[in-house]
Amino acid sequence: MSGHGGDRTYQVPAPAVPPPQLTYPSSLISPFSPIRLSGLPPFSSSSSTYFGISSSDFSKSLFLLKPTKPLYIPWSGPLSAQHPRMSTATPSTASAPKLEKKPVKFSNLLLGAGLNLFEVTSLGQPLEVIKTTMAANRGDSFAGAMGRIWGRGGILGYYQGLIPWAWIEASTKGAVLLFVASEAEYQARALGAGDFVAGISGGMTGGVAQAYATMGFCTCMKTVEITKHKMAATGVKPPGTFQTFMDIYRKEGIRGINRGVNAVAIRQTTNWGSRFGLSRLAESAIRKVAGKDESTKLSAWEKILASSLGGGLSAWNQPIEVIRVEMQSKTPDPNRPKNLTVGKAAKYIYDSNGIRGLYRGVAPRVGLGIWQTVCMVALGDMAKEAVEKLTGDSVTAKH
């Protein structure tokens, strides 16, 4: 800039233009991101000069500036979430939930044993005796089976096999189920199974373990107790329960007191699988009718209805139960094949009584399933509160 004052000519220096200041993001930026200058409009490559500086010199000057923070230029990897067009969140970096095994608490074992003992001592064993009697005497009607049981000892005839075998079974089968089902469900989840598949796998595996660990010899001895008393009608005094147990053990060993255990295992695993699935379907149907979503809890009566439908419909495998009774029965029958297997027993029953013979005792079994559900659901909350007071531990098992 120049001016004239009289004869003198002087040069006015142009005001100094401060160098442009670069503003960097607090974290990483992309080499392809537009760099904005503080207080200045974005540089346009279409113009040849920028505040009197050529585009080439201006570009070179960017690399001579010393920013207050180091500039990193990543060639790969997550970019800064502060940039409007970039994000560091990627599916691969999301942490998966930790897989944990369900704990087996003493309070859960105590609750299950208490409920099972109440169920079998109240109405469970009478229904079991009726079911077994009808399966063992397939020519009897329901009324005929009731009369046969009453003739063995009046009201006490309905509780044959309760002590000690039914009590042993009731107090131990829950513990076996919880331990084995917890491990099986954990392994299923580890292999990628969902909640439904893992739950049903745990229940079915636990059912098989129940059969071979405790239910095999208990059901065998209960059946022996129920069927051996027919000997009293011929004037023969039946031996005591432990004497019978030892006689079988001495003659046939472990296999003798576990006769029919394979049929028990098939019954238990199909019981748990069908009951779990059918109860879930019944629960879904009840929710639809009642207009409740998955987050809303069902009432006690709705739980009883869903579980009763699941337990009752699970009696479709009654032929396995009839086969089990035939394999364990001690009643003399000259036509019964020796060394019965599941297949031989099924063929013998079908040849003797047809398809109806394989479903003898299904009515009391349905009633037994409903009664078990009522005990577990209706009395579960009261029993849960009592166990928590006794042990001081919270009960986490579902009932």
Protein backbone atom coordinates (compact mmCIF):
# COMPACT_ATOMS: atom_id res chain seq x y z
CA MET A 1 0.00 0.00 0.00
CA SER A 2 1.42 3.44 -0.97
CA GLY A 3 0.44 7.08 -0.20
CA HIS A 4 1.55 10.59 -1.09
CA GLY A 5 2.24 13.36 1.48
CA GLY A 6 3.46 16.50 -0.33
CA ASP A 7 6.72 15.69 -2.14
CA ARG A 8 7.28 12.66 -0.03
CA THR A 9 6.28 9.19 -1.06
CA TYR A 10 6.03 6.56 1.68
CA GLN A 11 5.18 2.88 1.71
CA VAL A 12 2.60 1.61 4.20
CA PRO A 13 3.34 -2.00 5.06
CA ALA A 14 0.45 -4.38 4.59
CA PRO A 15 -0.98 -5.78 7.77
CA ALA A 16 0.49 -9.14 8.65
CA VAL A 17 -1.80 -12.04 7.98
CA PRO A 18 -1.55 -14.56 10.81
CA PRO A 19 -0.83 -18.10 9.68
CA PRO A 20 -3.88 -20.30 9.56
CA GLN A 21 -4.41 -22.43 12.69
CA LEU A 22 -5.32 -26.05 12.24
CA THR A 23 -7.86 -27.65 14.56
CA TYR A 24 -7.38 -31.39 15.07
CA PRO A 25 -9.87 -33.82 16.57
CA SER A 26 -9.06 -35.17 20.01
CA SER A 27 -8.57 -38.69 18.62
CA LEU A 28 -7.67 -40.21 15.30
CA ILE A 29 -8.72 -38.82 11.94
CA SER A 30 -8.79 -40.30 8.50
CA PRO A 31 -6.29 -39.10 5.88
CA PHE A 32 -9.28 -38.65 3.60
CA SER A 33 -11.26 -36.46 6.01
CA PRO A 34 -11.61 -32.74 5.20
CA ILE A 35 -9.30 -30.63 7.48
CA ARG A 36 -11.06 -27.47 8.66
CA LEU A 37 -9.18 -24.26 9.51
CA SER A 38 -10.11 -22.26 12.56
CA GLY A 39 -11.91 -19.07 11.57
CA LEU A 40 -11.43 -19.62 7.84
CA PRO A 41 -13.61 -21.10 5.15
CA PRO A 42 -12.65 -24.55 3.81
CA PHE A 43 -9.87 -24.55 1.27
CA SER A 44 -11.12 -25.04 -2.27
CA SER A 45 -8.88 -26.70 -4.78
CA SER A 46 -10.70 -24.84 -7.55
CA SER A 47 -9.01 -21.50 -6.68
CA SER A 48 -5.35 -20.95 -7.43
CA THR A 49 -4.60 -18.67 -4.44
CA TYR A 50 -5.61 -18.49 -0.83
CA PHE A 51 -5.01 -15.12 0.91
CA GLY A 52 -2.22 -14.42 -1.53
CA ILE A 53 -0.64 -17.87 -1.13
CA SER A 54 -0.56 -20.18 -4.09
CA SER A 55 -2.34 -23.48 -3.78
CA SER A 56 0.90 -25.48 -4.09
CA ASP A 57 2.68 -23.39 -1.42
CA PHE A 58 -0.36 -23.59 0.84
CA SER A 59 -0.44 -27.37 0.54
CA LYS A 60 3.27 -27.58 1.39
CA SER A 61 2.80 -25.30 4.37
CA LEU A 62 0.36 -27.76 5.97
CA PHE A 63 3.22 -30.20 6.55
CA LEU A 64 5.46 -27.50 8.05
CA LEU A 65 2.99 -26.48 10.72
CA LYS A 66 3.53 -27.93 14.18
CA PRO A 67 0.21 -28.88 15.73
CA THR A 68 -0.17 -28.92 19.50
CA LYS A 69 -1.24 -32.58 19.38
CA PRO A 70 0.39 -35.35 17.33
CA LEU A 71 -1.36 -36.30 14.14
CA TYR A 72 -1.81 -40.02 13.56
CA ILE A 73 -2.98 -41.37 10.26
CA PRO A 74 -4.29 -44.93 10.63
CA TRP A 75 -4.50 -47.06 7.54
CA SER A 76 -6.96 -49.56 9.03
CA GLY A 77 -8.97 -50.17 12.18
CA PRO A 78 -11.85 -48.36 13.92
CA LEU A 79 -12.10 -44.62 13.44
CA SER A 80 -13.10 -41.91 15.86
CA ALA A 81 -16.73 -41.81 16.90
CA GLN A 82 -16.44 -37.99 17.08
CA HIS A 83 -16.20 -37.71 13.34
CA PRO A 84 -19.71 -37.23 11.90
CA ARG A 85 -19.24 -39.94 9.29
CA MET A 86 -17.19 -42.45 11.24
CA SER A 87 -17.77 -44.81 14.18
CA THR A 88 -15.60 -47.05 16.32
CA ALA A 89 -18.44 -49.47 17.17
CA THR A 90 -18.14 -52.72 15.27
CA PRO A 91 -19.96 -56.00 15.84
CA SER A 92 -16.68 -57.87 16.30
CA THR A 93 -15.61 -55.70 19.24
CA ALA A 94 -18.87 -56.20 21.17
CA SER A 95 -18.25 -58.30 24.26
CA ALA A 96 -20.35 -61.49 24.42
CA PRO A 97 -22.16 -62.27 27.69
CA LYS A 98 -20.23 -64.62 29.95
CA LEU A 99 -21.63 -68.14 30.05
CA GLU A 100 -22.28 -69.24 33.62
CA LYS A 101 -23.44 -72.55 35.05
CA LYS A 102 -26.57 -72.45 37.19
CA PRO A 103 -25.63 -73.01 40.84
CA VAL A 104 -27.07 -75.96 42.74
CA LYS A 105 -28.03 -74.71 46.20
CA PHE A 106 -28.88 -76.73 49.28
CA SER A 107 -32.08 -74.70 49.64
CA ASN A 108 -33.17 -75.82 46.16
CA LEU A 109 -32.53 -79.47 47.02
CA LEU A 110 -34.42 -79.16 50.29
CA LEU A 111 -37.39 -77.49 48.60
CA GLY A 112 -37.63 -80.16 45.90
CA ALA A 113 -37.33 -83.03 48.38
CA GLY A 114 -39.96 -81.53 50.68
CA LEU A 115 -42.50 -80.96 47.91
CA ASN A 116 -41.92 -84.43 46.43
CA LEU A 117 -42.34 -86.11 49.83
CA PHE A 118 -45.60 -84.27 50.44
CA GLU A 119 -46.90 -85.10 46.96
CA VAL A 120 -46.19 -88.84 47.19
CA THR A 121 -47.39 -89.21 50.80
CA SER A 122 -50.69 -87.41 50.25
CA LEU A 123 -52.26 -88.55 46.98
CA GLY A 124 -49.32 -89.55 44.79
CA GLN A 125 -48.77 -93.07 46.09
CA PRO A 126 -52.46 -94.10 45.95
CA LEU A 127 -52.57 -93.01 42.30
CA GLU A 128 -49.29 -94.86 41.67
CA VAL A 129 -50.74 -98.03 43.21
CA ILE A 130 -53.90 -97.80 41.08
CA LYS A 131 -51.86 -97.20 37.93
CA THR A 132 -49.52 -100.12 38.65
CA THR A 133 -52.36 -102.48 39.55
CA MET A 134 -54.22 -101.71 36.32
CA ALA A 135 -51.03 -102.17 34.28
CA ALA A 136 -50.23 -105.49 35.98
CA ASN A 137 -53.83 -106.80 35.74
CA ARG A 138 -54.82 -105.61 32.31
CA GLY A 139 -58.14 -107.44 32.40
CA ASP A 140 -59.40 -105.41 35.38
CA SER A 141 -61.59 -102.35 35.01
CA PHE A 142 -60.95 -99.21 37.07
CA ALA A 143 -63.51 -100.32 39.67
CA GLY A 144 -62.07 -103.84 39.67
CA ALA A 145 -58.57 -102.50 40.34
CA MET A 146 -59.90 -100.36 43.21
CA GLY A 147 -61.58 -103.40 44.76
CA ARG A 148 -58.43 -105.51 44.35
CA ILE A 149 -56.34 -102.88 46.17
CA TRP A 150 -58.88 -102.52 48.98
CA GLY A 151 -58.89 -106.27 49.47
CA ARG A 152 -55.15 -106.24 50.21
CA GLY A 153 -55.47 -104.20 53.40
CA GLY A 154 -58.17 -101.55 53.22
CA ILE A 155 -56.93 -97.98 53.04
CA LEU A 156 -53.35 -99.10 53.74
CA GLY A 157 -53.46 -101.10 50.52
CA TYR A 158 -53.24 -97.82 48.63
CA TYR A 159 -49.93 -97.00 50.31
CA GLN A 160 -48.03 -100.19 49.55
CA GLY A 161 -44.43 -99.40 48.64
CA LEU A 162 -44.53 -95.94 50.22
CA ILE A 163 -42.01 -96.70 52.98
CA PRO A 164 -39.16 -96.78 52.27
CA TRP A 165 -39.01 -96.98 48.46
CA ALA A 166 -41.32 -94.13 47.47
CA TRP A 167 -39.75 -91.90 50.11
CA ILE A 168 -36.23 -92.73 48.92
CA GLU A 169 -37.21 -91.96 45.34
CA ALA A 170 -38.99 -88.71 46.23
CA SER A 171 -36.14 -87.37 48.38
CA THR A 172 -33.31 -88.15 45.94
CA LYS A 173 -34.61 -87.83 42.39
CA GLY A 174 -34.82 -84.03 42.61
CA ALA A 175 -31.16 -83.72 43.62
CA VAL A 176 -30.05 -85.97 40.76
CA LEU A 177 -32.11 -83.95 38.31
CA LEU A 178 -30.76 -80.57 39.47
CA PHE A 179 -27.09 -81.58 39.39
CA VAL A 180 -27.19 -83.37 36.04
CA ALA A 181 -29.61 -80.97 34.31
CA SER A 182 -27.50 -77.97 35.36
CA GLU A 183 -24.36 -79.48 33.81
CA ALA A 184 -26.15 -80.69 30.67
CA GLU A 185 -27.82 -77.32 30.11
CA TYR A 186 -24.46 -75.54 30.54
CA GLN A 187 -22.78 -77.81 27.99
CA ALA A 188 -25.66 -77.30 25.54
CA ARG A 189 -25.33 -73.52 25.84
CA ALA A 190 -21.57 -73.79 25.36
CA LEU A 191 -22.25 -75.53 22.04
CA GLY A 192 -24.48 -72.62 20.96
CA ALA A 193 -27.95 -73.96 21.84
CA GLY A 194 -30.74 -71.50 22.63
CA ASP A 195 -32.73 -71.28 25.87
CA PHE A 196 -35.47 -73.69 24.76
CA VAL A 197 -33.14 -76.35 23.36
CA ALA A 198 -30.73 -76.08 26.30
CA GLY A 199 -33.59 -76.35 28.81
CA ILE A 200 -35.18 -79.39 27.19
CA SER A 201 -31.76 -81.06 26.76
CA GLY A 202 -30.96 -80.55 30.43
CA GLY A 203 -34.31 -81.99 31.52
CA MET A 204 -34.08 -85.06 29.28
CA THR A 205 -30.51 -85.81 30.34
CA GLY A 206 -31.45 -85.35 33.98
CA GLY A 207 -34.38 -87.74 33.50
CA VAL A 208 -32.07 -90.49 32.23
CA ALA A 209 -29.72 -89.93 35.19
CA GLN A 210 -32.69 -90.16 37.57
CA ALA A 211 -33.59 -93.58 36.19
CA TYR A 212 -30.16 -95.15 36.52
CA ALA A 213 -29.16 -93.45 39.79
CA THR A 214 -32.20 -93.85 42.02
CA MET A 215 -35.54 -94.44 40.29
CA GLY A 216 -34.65 -97.79 38.72
CA PHE A 217 -34.42 -99.87 41.90
CA CYS A 218 -37.06 -97.77 43.70
CA THR A 219 -39.74 -98.34 41.04
CA CYS A 220 -38.74 -102.02 40.87
CA MET A 221 -39.19 -102.47 44.61
CA LYS A 222 -42.45 -100.52 44.62
CA THR A 223 -43.83 -102.78 41.90
CA VAL A 224 -42.67 -105.86 43.80
CA GLU A 225 -44.42 -104.60 46.94
CA ILE A 226 -47.65 -103.94 45.05
CA THR A 227 -47.71 -107.25 43.20
CA LYS A 228 -46.30 -109.65 45.80
CA HIS A 229 -49.21 -109.18 48.19
CA LYS A 230 -51.35 -111.27 45.85
CA MET A 231 -49.56 -114.22 47.43
CA ALA A 232 -51.54 -113.64 50.64
CA ALA A 233 -54.74 -114.75 48.91
CA THR A 234 -53.27 -118.23 48.43
CA GLY A 235 -52.36 -118.53 52.11
CA VAL A 236 -48.67 -117.78 51.65
CA LYS A 237 -47.28 -115.14 54.01
CA PRO A 238 -45.40 -112.56 51.93
CA PRO A 239 -41.85 -111.70 53.09
CA GLY A 240 -40.91 -108.27 54.42
CA THR A 241 -39.77 -105.51 52.07
CA PHE A 242 -36.06 -105.71 52.96
CA GLN A 243 -36.14 -109.50 52.94
CA THR A 244 -37.58 -109.34 49.42
CA PHE A 245 -34.88 -106.86 48.41
CA MET A 246 -32.08 -109.09 49.69
CA ASP A 247 -33.59 -112.21 48.11
CA ILE A 248 -33.65 -110.51 44.71
CA TYR A 249 -30.11 -109.19 45.20
CA ARG A 250 -28.72 -112.61 46.16
CA LYS A 251 -30.38 -114.34 43.21
CA GLU A 252 -29.97 -111.75 40.46
CA GLY A 253 -27.55 -109.14 41.75
CA ILE A 254 -27.67 -105.48 40.74
CA ARG A 255 -29.49 -106.32 37.51
CA GLY A 256 -32.28 -107.96 39.47
CA ILE A 257 -33.10 -104.96 41.64
CA ASN A 258 -32.81 -102.69 38.61
CA ARG A 259 -35.01 -104.80 36.37
CA GLY A 260 -36.87 -102.59 33.92
CA VAL A 261 -34.48 -99.67 34.43
CA ASN A 262 -34.14 -99.15 30.66
CA ALA A 263 -37.90 -98.71 30.39
CA VAL A 264 -37.76 -96.25 33.30
CA ALA A 265 -35.04 -94.27 31.51
CA ILE A 266 -37.10 -94.10 28.31
CA ARG A 267 -40.15 -93.02 30.30
CA GLN A 268 -38.25 -90.30 32.18
CA THR A 269 -36.50 -88.76 29.18
CA THR A 270 -39.68 -88.68 27.08
CA ASN A 271 -41.59 -87.37 30.10
CA TRP A 272 -39.30 -84.39 30.55
CA GLY A 273 -39.02 -83.65 26.85
CA SER A 274 -42.75 -83.71 26.17
CA ARG A 275 -43.75 -82.02 29.43
CA PHE A 276 -41.32 -79.15 28.82
CA GLY A 277 -42.47 -78.59 25.25
CA LEU A 278 -46.20 -79.13 25.83
CA SER A 279 -46.23 -76.88 28.92
CA ARG A 280 -44.56 -74.12 26.88
CA LEU A 281 -47.17 -74.47 24.14
CA ALA A 282 -50.01 -74.43 26.68
CA GLU A 283 -48.54 -71.36 28.34
CA SER A 284 -48.33 -69.54 25.00
CA ALA A 285 -51.97 -70.39 24.26
CA ILE A 286 -53.07 -69.12 27.69
CA ARG A 287 -51.18 -65.85 27.15
CA LYS A 288 -52.92 -65.33 23.82
CA VAL A 289 -56.37 -65.97 25.29
CA ALA A 290 -55.69 -63.78 28.33
CA GLY A 291 -54.02 -61.05 26.26
CA LYS A 292 -50.75 -61.20 28.22
CA ASP A 293 -47.30 -60.68 26.71
CA GLU A 294 -44.11 -62.56 27.61
CA SER A 295 -43.11 -60.01 30.26
CA THR A 296 -46.34 -60.46 32.25
CA LYS A 297 -46.36 -63.22 34.86
CA LEU A 298 -49.10 -65.83 34.80
CA SER A 299 -51.33 -66.22 37.83
CA ALA A 300 -51.15 -69.34 40.03
CA TRP A 301 -54.24 -70.86 38.38
CA GLU A 302 -52.86 -70.16 34.90
CA LYS A 303 -49.57 -71.85 35.86
CA ILE A 304 -51.46 -74.86 37.20
CA LEU A 305 -53.53 -75.09 34.01
CA ALA A 306 -50.49 -74.86 31.71
CA SER A 307 -48.44 -77.38 33.69
CA SER A 308 -51.40 -79.73 34.11
CA LEU A 309 -51.98 -79.77 30.36
CA GLY A 310 -48.29 -80.45 29.80
CA GLY A 311 -48.18 -83.19 32.44
CA GLY A 312 -51.46 -84.80 31.38
CA LEU A 313 -50.63 -84.87 27.68
CA SER A 314 -47.23 -86.36 28.52
CA ALA A 315 -49.07 -89.60 29.31
CA TRP A 316 -48.90 -90.42 25.58
CA ASN A 317 -45.94 -92.65 26.50
CA GLN A 318 -48.06 -94.85 28.80
CA PRO A 319 -47.04 -97.98 26.80
CA ILE A 320 -43.51 -97.54 28.20
CA GLU A 321 -44.97 -97.48 31.72
CA VAL A 322 -46.99 -100.66 31.13
CA ILE A 323 -43.88 -102.34 29.72
CA ARG A 324 -41.93 -101.24 32.82
CA VAL A 325 -44.55 -102.75 35.16
CA GLU A 326 -44.58 -106.04 33.22
CA MET A 327 -40.79 -106.31 33.40
CA GLN A 328 -40.74 -105.64 37.17
CA SER A 329 -43.85 -107.61 38.19
CA LYS A 330 -43.36 -110.63 40.43
CA THR A 331 -46.73 -112.24 39.72
CA PRO A 332 -46.35 -115.75 38.29
CA ASP A 333 -47.38 -115.97 34.64
CA PRO A 334 -46.54 -119.14 32.66
CA ASN A 335 -47.04 -117.34 29.35
CA ARG A 336 -44.61 -114.50 30.12
CA PRO A 337 -41.30 -114.88 28.27
CA LYS A 338 -38.17 -115.22 30.38
CA ASN A 339 -35.43 -112.58 30.42
CA LEU A 340 -37.79 -109.84 29.29
CA THR A 341 -36.42 -106.90 27.38
CA VAL A 342 -38.35 -103.78 26.40
CA GLY A 343 -39.04 -105.24 22.97
CA LYS A 344 -40.09 -108.68 24.25
CA ALA A 345 -42.38 -107.16 26.88
CA ALA A 346 -44.04 -104.88 24.32
CA LYS A 347 -44.68 -107.82 21.97
CA TYR A 348 -46.06 -109.98 24.79
CA ILE A 349 -48.48 -107.28 26.00
CA TYR A 350 -49.66 -106.51 22.47
CA ASP A 351 -50.21 -110.18 21.64
CA SER A 352 -52.13 -110.72 24.89
CA ASN A 353 -54.24 -107.55 25.16
CA GLY A 354 -53.84 -105.59 21.95
CA ILE A 355 -53.20 -101.86 21.72
CA ARG A 356 -55.59 -101.15 24.61
CA GLY A 357 -53.43 -103.27 26.90
CA LEU A 358 -50.52 -100.90 26.33
CA TYR A 359 -52.61 -97.99 27.66
CA ARG A 360 -53.95 -99.64 30.82
CA GLY A 361 -53.68 -97.25 33.78
CA VAL A 362 -53.46 -94.08 31.69
CA ALA A 363 -56.32 -92.36 33.59
CA PRO A 364 -54.70 -92.51 37.05
CA ARG A 365 -51.41 -91.49 35.48
CA VAL A 366 -52.97 -88.33 34.07
CA GLY A 367 -54.42 -87.65 37.52
CA LEU A 368 -50.99 -88.20 39.05
CA GLY A 369 -49.42 -85.66 36.69
CA ILE A 370 -52.06 -83.07 37.57
CA TRP A 371 -51.64 -83.68 41.31
CA GLN A 372 -47.87 -83.29 41.06
CA THR A 373 -48.37 -79.96 39.28
CA VAL A 374 -50.83 -78.69 41.88
CA CYS A 375 -48.37 -79.52 44.68
CA MET A 376 -45.41 -77.86 42.98
CA VAL A 377 -47.22 -74.68 41.91
CA ALA A 378 -49.90 -74.13 44.54
CA LEU A 379 -47.75 -75.09 47.52
CA GLY A 380 -44.45 -73.98 46.05
CA ASP A 381 -44.54 -70.38 47.33
CA MET A 382 -45.37 -71.43 50.90
CA ALA A 383 -42.68 -74.11 50.87
CA LYS A 384 -40.18 -71.67 49.37
CA GLU A 385 -40.77 -69.17 52.19
CA ALA A 386 -40.39 -71.90 54.84
CA VAL A 387 -37.14 -73.21 53.34
CA GLU A 388 -35.64 -69.71 53.11
CA LYS A 389 -36.40 -69.10 56.79
CA LEU A 390 -34.89 -72.45 57.74
CA THR A 391 -31.68 -72.19 55.70
CA GLY A 392 -31.27 -68.42 55.44
CA ASP A 393 -30.56 -68.88 51.72
CA SER A 394 -32.65 -67.66 48.80
CA VAL A 395 -34.35 -70.34 46.72
CA THR A 396 -33.73 -69.93 43.00
CA ALA A 397 -35.28 -73.14 41.68
CA LYS A 398 -38.52 -72.86 39.73
CA HIS A 399 -41.41 -74.87 41.09
